[in-house]
C-alpha atoms as a PDB file:
ATOM      1  CA  MET A   1     -14.985 -54.711   0.193  1.00  0.00           C
ATOM      2  CA  THR A   2     -15.993 -58.309  -0.204  1.00  0.00           C
ATOM      3  CA  ASN A   3     -18.994 -59.535  -2.531  1.00  0.00           C
ATOM      4  CA  GLU A   4     -21.127 -60.169   0.647  1.00  0.00           C
ATOM      5  CA  GLN A   5     -20.692 -56.688   1.833  1.00  0.00           C
ATOM      6  CA  LEU A   6     -21.571 -55.415  -1.661  1.00  0.00           C
ATOM      7  CA  GLN A   7     -24.660 -57.810  -1.693  1.00  0.00           C
ATOM      8  CA  LYS A   8     -25.576 -56.326   1.895  1.00  0.00           C
ATOM      9  CA  LEU A   9     -25.174 -52.773   0.613  1.00  0.00           C
ATOM     10  CA  THR A  10     -27.165 -53.129  -2.637  1.00  0.00           C
ATOM     11  CA  MET A  11     -29.990 -54.719  -0.760  1.00  0.00           C
ATOM     12  CA  GLN A  12     -30.279 -51.960   1.729  1.00  0.00           C
ATOM     13  CA  TRP A  13     -29.980 -49.192  -1.324  1.00  0.00           C
ATOM     14  CA  SER A  14     -32.593 -50.983  -3.090  1.00  0.00           C
ATOM     15  CA  LEU A  15     -35.111 -50.900  -0.198  1.00  0.00           C
ATOM     16  CA  GLU A  16     -34.318 -47.462   0.688  1.00  0.00           C
ATOM     17  CA  LEU A  17     -34.325 -45.825  -2.543  1.00  0.00           C
ATOM     18  CA  PHE A  18     -36.526 -47.957  -4.892  1.00  0.00           C
ATOM     19  CA  ASN A  19     -38.818 -49.335  -2.152  1.00  0.00           C
ATOM     20  CA  ARG A  20     -38.211 -52.897  -3.684  1.00  0.00           C
ATOM     21  CA  PRO A  21     -35.924 -55.659  -2.582  1.00  0.00           C
ATOM     22  CA  PHE A  22     -33.047 -56.745  -4.668  1.00  0.00           C
ATOM     23  CA  VAL A  23     -33.295 -60.586  -4.684  1.00  0.00           C
ATOM     24  CA  HIS A  24     -30.646 -61.790  -6.984  1.00  0.00           C
ATOM     25  CA  LYS A  25     -26.781 -61.718  -6.975  1.00  0.00           C
ATOM     26  CA  ILE A  26     -24.417 -58.837  -7.050  1.00  0.00           C
ATOM     27  CA  VAL A  27     -20.687 -59.680  -7.559  1.00  0.00           C
ATOM     28  CA  PHE A  28     -17.363 -57.956  -8.423  1.00  0.00           C
ATOM     29  CA  ASN A  29     -16.088 -59.054 -11.584  1.00  0.00           C
ATOM     30  CA  ARG A  30     -12.429 -58.263 -12.658  1.00  0.00           C
ATOM     31  CA  ARG A  31     -12.999 -59.143 -16.259  1.00  0.00           C
ATOM     32  CA  LEU A  32     -14.916 -55.770 -16.628  1.00  0.00           C
ATOM     33  CA  LYS A  33     -12.473 -53.177 -18.032  1.00  0.00           C
ATOM     34  CA  THR A  34     -14.436 -50.319 -19.844  1.00  0.00           C
ATOM     35  CA  THR A  35     -17.536 -50.312 -17.818  1.00  0.00           C
ATOM     36  CA  GLY A  36     -18.554 -49.661 -14.251  1.00  0.00           C
ATOM     37  CA  GLY A  37     -21.155 -52.442 -14.060  1.00  0.00           C
ATOM     38  CA  ARG A  38     -23.430 -54.855 -16.133  1.00  0.00           C
ATOM     39  CA  TYR A  39     -27.027 -55.834 -15.455  1.00  0.00           C
ATOM     40  CA  HIS A  40     -27.564 -59.389 -17.029  1.00  0.00           C
ATOM     41  CA  LEU A  41     -31.121 -59.765 -18.452  1.00  0.00           C
ATOM     42  CA  SER A  42     -31.006 -63.545 -18.541  1.00  0.00           C
ATOM     43  CA  ASP A  43     -30.634 -64.297 -15.065  1.00  0.00           C
ATOM     44  CA  HIS A  44     -30.869 -60.894 -13.224  1.00  0.00           C
ATOM     45  CA  HIS A  45     -27.529 -60.851 -11.659  1.00  0.00           C
ATOM     46  CA  ILE A  46     -25.168 -57.722 -11.552  1.00  0.00           C
ATOM     47  CA  ASP A  47     -21.620 -57.565 -12.089  1.00  0.00           C
ATOM     48  CA  ILE A  48     -19.642 -54.438 -10.803  1.00  0.00           C
ATOM     49  CA  ASN A  49     -16.222 -53.488 -11.774  1.00  0.00           C
ATOM     50  CA  PRO A  50     -14.002 -53.627  -8.693  1.00  0.00           C
ATOM     51  CA  LEU A  51     -11.982 -50.637  -9.738  1.00  0.00           C
ATOM     52  CA  MET A  52     -14.981 -48.563  -8.859  1.00  0.00           C
ATOM     53  CA  ILE A  53     -14.269 -49.137  -5.174  1.00  0.00           C
ATOM     54  CA  GLU A  54     -10.378 -49.543  -5.326  1.00  0.00           C
ATOM     55  CA  GLN A  55      -9.658 -46.438  -7.457  1.00  0.00           C
ATOM     56  CA  PHE A  56     -12.607 -44.244  -6.353  1.00  0.00           C
ATOM     57  CA  ASP A  57     -14.680 -43.983  -3.210  1.00  0.00           C
ATOM     58  CA  GLU A  58     -18.058 -45.396  -1.858  1.00  0.00           C
ATOM     59  CA  HIS A  59     -20.002 -42.692  -3.311  1.00  0.00           C
ATOM     60  CA  THR A  60     -18.928 -43.642  -6.973  1.00  0.00           C
ATOM     61  CA  LEU A  61     -19.604 -47.244  -6.296  1.00  0.00           C
ATOM     62  CA  LYS A  62     -23.093 -46.382  -4.944  1.00  0.00           C
ATOM     63  CA  GLY A  63     -23.686 -44.395  -8.103  1.00  0.00           C
ATOM     64  CA  VAL A  64     -22.680 -47.290 -10.326  1.00  0.00           C
ATOM     65  CA  VAL A  65     -24.825 -49.694  -8.352  1.00  0.00           C
ATOM     66  CA  LEU A  66     -27.937 -47.582  -8.290  1.00  0.00           C
ATOM     67  CA  HIS A  67     -27.366 -47.170 -12.184  1.00  0.00           C
ATOM     68  CA  GLU A  68     -27.500 -51.037 -12.508  1.00  0.00           C
ATOM     69  CA  LEU A  69     -30.330 -51.391  -9.949  1.00  0.00           C
ATOM     70  CA  CYS A  70     -32.466 -48.930 -12.419  1.00  0.00           C
ATOM     71  CA  HIS A  71     -31.830 -51.250 -15.126  1.00  0.00           C
ATOM     72  CA  TYR A  72     -32.883 -54.314 -12.819  1.00  0.00           C
ATOM     73  CA  HIS A  73     -36.007 -52.729 -11.372  1.00  0.00           C
ATOM     74  CA  LEU A  74     -37.295 -51.348 -14.688  1.00  0.00           C
ATOM     75  CA  HIS A  75     -36.772 -54.660 -16.391  1.00  0.00           C
ATOM     76  CA  LEU A  76     -38.533 -56.675 -13.609  1.00  0.00           C
ATOM     77  CA  THR A  77     -41.461 -54.321 -13.721  1.00  0.00           C
ATOM     78  CA  GLY A  78     -41.747 -54.640 -17.491  1.00  0.00           C
ATOM     79  CA  ARG A  79     -40.866 -51.080 -18.198  1.00  0.00           C
ATOM     80  CA  ASP A  80     -38.312 -49.878 -20.978  1.00  0.00           C
ATOM     81  CA  TYR A  81     -34.813 -50.514 -19.005  1.00  0.00           C
ATOM     82  CA  HIS A  82     -32.664 -48.970 -21.953  1.00  0.00           C
ATOM     83  CA  HIS A  83     -30.454 -46.062 -21.457  1.00  0.00           C
ATOM     84  CA  ARG A  84     -32.368 -43.990 -23.974  1.00  0.00           C
ATOM     85  CA  SER A  85     -35.479 -44.405 -22.377  1.00  0.00           C
ATOM     86  CA  GLN A  86     -37.438 -41.646 -20.482  1.00  0.00           C
ATOM     87  CA  ASP A  87     -38.301 -44.103 -17.660  1.00  0.00           C
ATOM     88  CA  PHE A  88     -34.709 -44.960 -17.263  1.00  0.00           C
ATOM     89  CA  LYS A  89     -33.804 -41.375 -17.142  1.00  0.00           C
ATOM     90  CA  LYS A  90     -36.033 -40.219 -14.622  1.00  0.00           C
ATOM     91  CA  LEU A  91     -35.598 -42.973 -12.185  1.00  0.00           C
ATOM     92  CA  LEU A  92     -31.653 -42.666 -12.358  1.00  0.00           C
ATOM     93  CA  VAL A  93     -32.147 -38.889 -11.442  1.00  0.00           C
ATOM     94  CA  GLN A  94     -34.798 -39.592  -8.583  1.00  0.00           C
ATOM     95  CA  VAL A  95     -32.474 -42.084  -7.065  1.00  0.00           C
ATOM     96  CA  GLY A  96     -29.076 -40.170  -7.606  1.00  0.00           C
ATOM     97  CA  GLY A  97     -27.396 -42.823  -9.731  1.00  0.00           C
ATOM     98  CA  SER A  98     -24.480 -42.219 -11.962  1.00  0.00           C
ATOM     99  CA  ARG A  99     -25.157 -41.793 -15.590  1.00  0.00           C
ATOM    100  CA  TYR A 100     -21.628 -42.667 -16.612  1.00  0.00           C
ATOM    101  CA  ALA A 101     -18.875 -44.521 -14.740  1.00  0.00           C
ATOM    102  CA  PRO A 102     -15.586 -42.405 -14.326  1.00  0.00           C
ATOM    103  CA  LEU A 103     -12.582 -43.523 -16.374  1.00  0.00           C
ATOM    104  CA  THR A 104     -10.442 -46.029 -14.557  1.00  0.00           C
ATOM    105  CA  THR A 105      -6.818 -46.541 -15.243  1.00  0.00           C
ATOM    106  CA  ALA A 106      -7.458 -49.246 -17.512  1.00  0.00           C
ATOM    107  CA  ARG A 107      -9.342 -47.004 -20.052  1.00  0.00           C
ATOM    108  CA  GLN A 108      -7.002 -43.982 -19.452  1.00  0.00           C
ATOM    109  CA  HIS A 109      -4.513 -45.447 -22.017  1.00  0.00           C
ATOM    110  CA  VAL A 110      -4.050 -42.607 -24.732  1.00  0.00           C
ATOM    111  CA  VAL A 111      -2.513 -43.444 -28.375  1.00  0.00           C
ATOM    112  CA  GLN A 112      -1.067 -40.535 -30.639  1.00  0.00           C
ATOM    113  CA  TYR A 113      -0.737 -40.598 -34.423  1.00  0.00           C
ATOM    114  CA  GLN A 114       0.860 -38.190 -36.572  1.00  0.00           C
ATOM    115  CA  CYS A 115       0.152 -37.618 -40.086  1.00  0.00           C
ATOM    116  CA  GLN A 116       3.386 -37.686 -42.289  1.00  0.00           C
ATOM    117  CA  SER A 117       2.259 -35.152 -44.553  1.00  0.00           C
ATOM    118  CA  CYS A 118       0.621 -32.296 -42.518  1.00  0.00           C
ATOM    119  CA  HIS A 119       1.987 -33.377 -39.234  1.00  0.00           C
ATOM    120  CA  THR A 120      -1.364 -33.145 -37.535  1.00  0.00           C
ATOM    121  CA  ILE A 121      -1.533 -35.004 -34.348  1.00  0.00           C
ATOM    122  CA  ILE A 122      -4.511 -37.289 -33.601  1.00  0.00           C
ATOM    123  CA  ILE A 123      -5.118 -38.437 -29.979  1.00  0.00           C
ATOM    124  CA  ARG A 124      -7.288 -41.677 -29.621  1.00  0.00           C
ATOM    125  CA  HIS A 125      -8.159 -44.102 -26.772  1.00  0.00           C
ATOM    126  CA  ARG A 126      -7.861 -47.187 -29.068  1.00  0.00           C
ATOM    127  CA  ARG A 127      -5.318 -48.389 -31.524  1.00  0.00           C
ATOM    128  CA  PHE A 128      -6.441 -48.383 -35.232  1.00  0.00           C
ATOM    129  CA  ASN A 129      -4.718 -50.038 -38.113  1.00  0.00           C
ATOM    130  CA  THR A 130      -2.516 -47.354 -39.838  1.00  0.00           C
ATOM    131  CA  ARG A 131      -2.294 -49.038 -43.114  1.00  0.00           C
ATOM    132  CA  ARG A 132      -6.229 -49.045 -43.567  1.00  0.00           C
ATOM    133  CA  TYR A 133      -6.772 -45.456 -42.170  1.00  0.00           C
ATOM    134  CA  VAL A 134      -5.327 -42.115 -43.337  1.00  0.00           C
ATOM    135  CA  CYS A 135      -5.443 -38.526 -42.039  1.00  0.00           C
ATOM    136  CA  GLY A 136      -8.746 -37.002 -42.319  1.00  0.00           C
ATOM    137  CA  LYS A 137      -7.485 -33.654 -43.115  1.00  0.00           C
ATOM    138  CA  CYS A 138      -5.266 -34.395 -46.018  1.00  0.00           C
ATOM    139  CA  GLY A 139      -5.158 -38.043 -46.778  1.00  0.00           C
ATOM    140  CA  GLY A 140      -1.614 -38.652 -45.739  1.00  0.00           C
ATOM    141  CA  ARG A 141      -0.240 -41.695 -44.137  1.00  0.00           C
ATOM    142  CA  LEU A 142      -0.264 -41.908 -40.250  1.00  0.00           C
ATOM    143  CA  LYS A 143       2.324 -42.992 -37.599  1.00  0.00           C
ATOM    144  CA  GLU A 144       1.943 -43.892 -34.254  1.00  0.00           C
ATOM    145  CA  ILE A 145       4.216 -41.591 -32.051  1.00  0.00           C
ATOM    146  CA  LYS A 146       3.004 -42.702 -28.562  1.00  0.00           C
END
């Protein structure tokens, strides 16, 4: 899917579901790794992670775009656009947007640590400094095993 096709779909979904036009830019941004999309408050454009269409289907892409459009339309109408707000939550349910983007292969990397004392295995999605952190169970040293 190209940026032009994404722009047309977004404009169509905005009119159909929000009854308001989308008059700014929406583009795919390969630098997004841990999120499905991002709405920019400063210039109102939207970035979408291209993995939403490459690894998933158009339904997933639509859910992410609708999520960002909720931020967009709430911000432009002067209402609370944050994830925690009731306005955002109601609008998201009303239009059928995704609350969370699915995990992409870029985010599915798992790191395992094992305590050298009690042999407890700790699974994390991000690395941490084993010289700084210790086992929460016994206080023993941790070693990366995977």
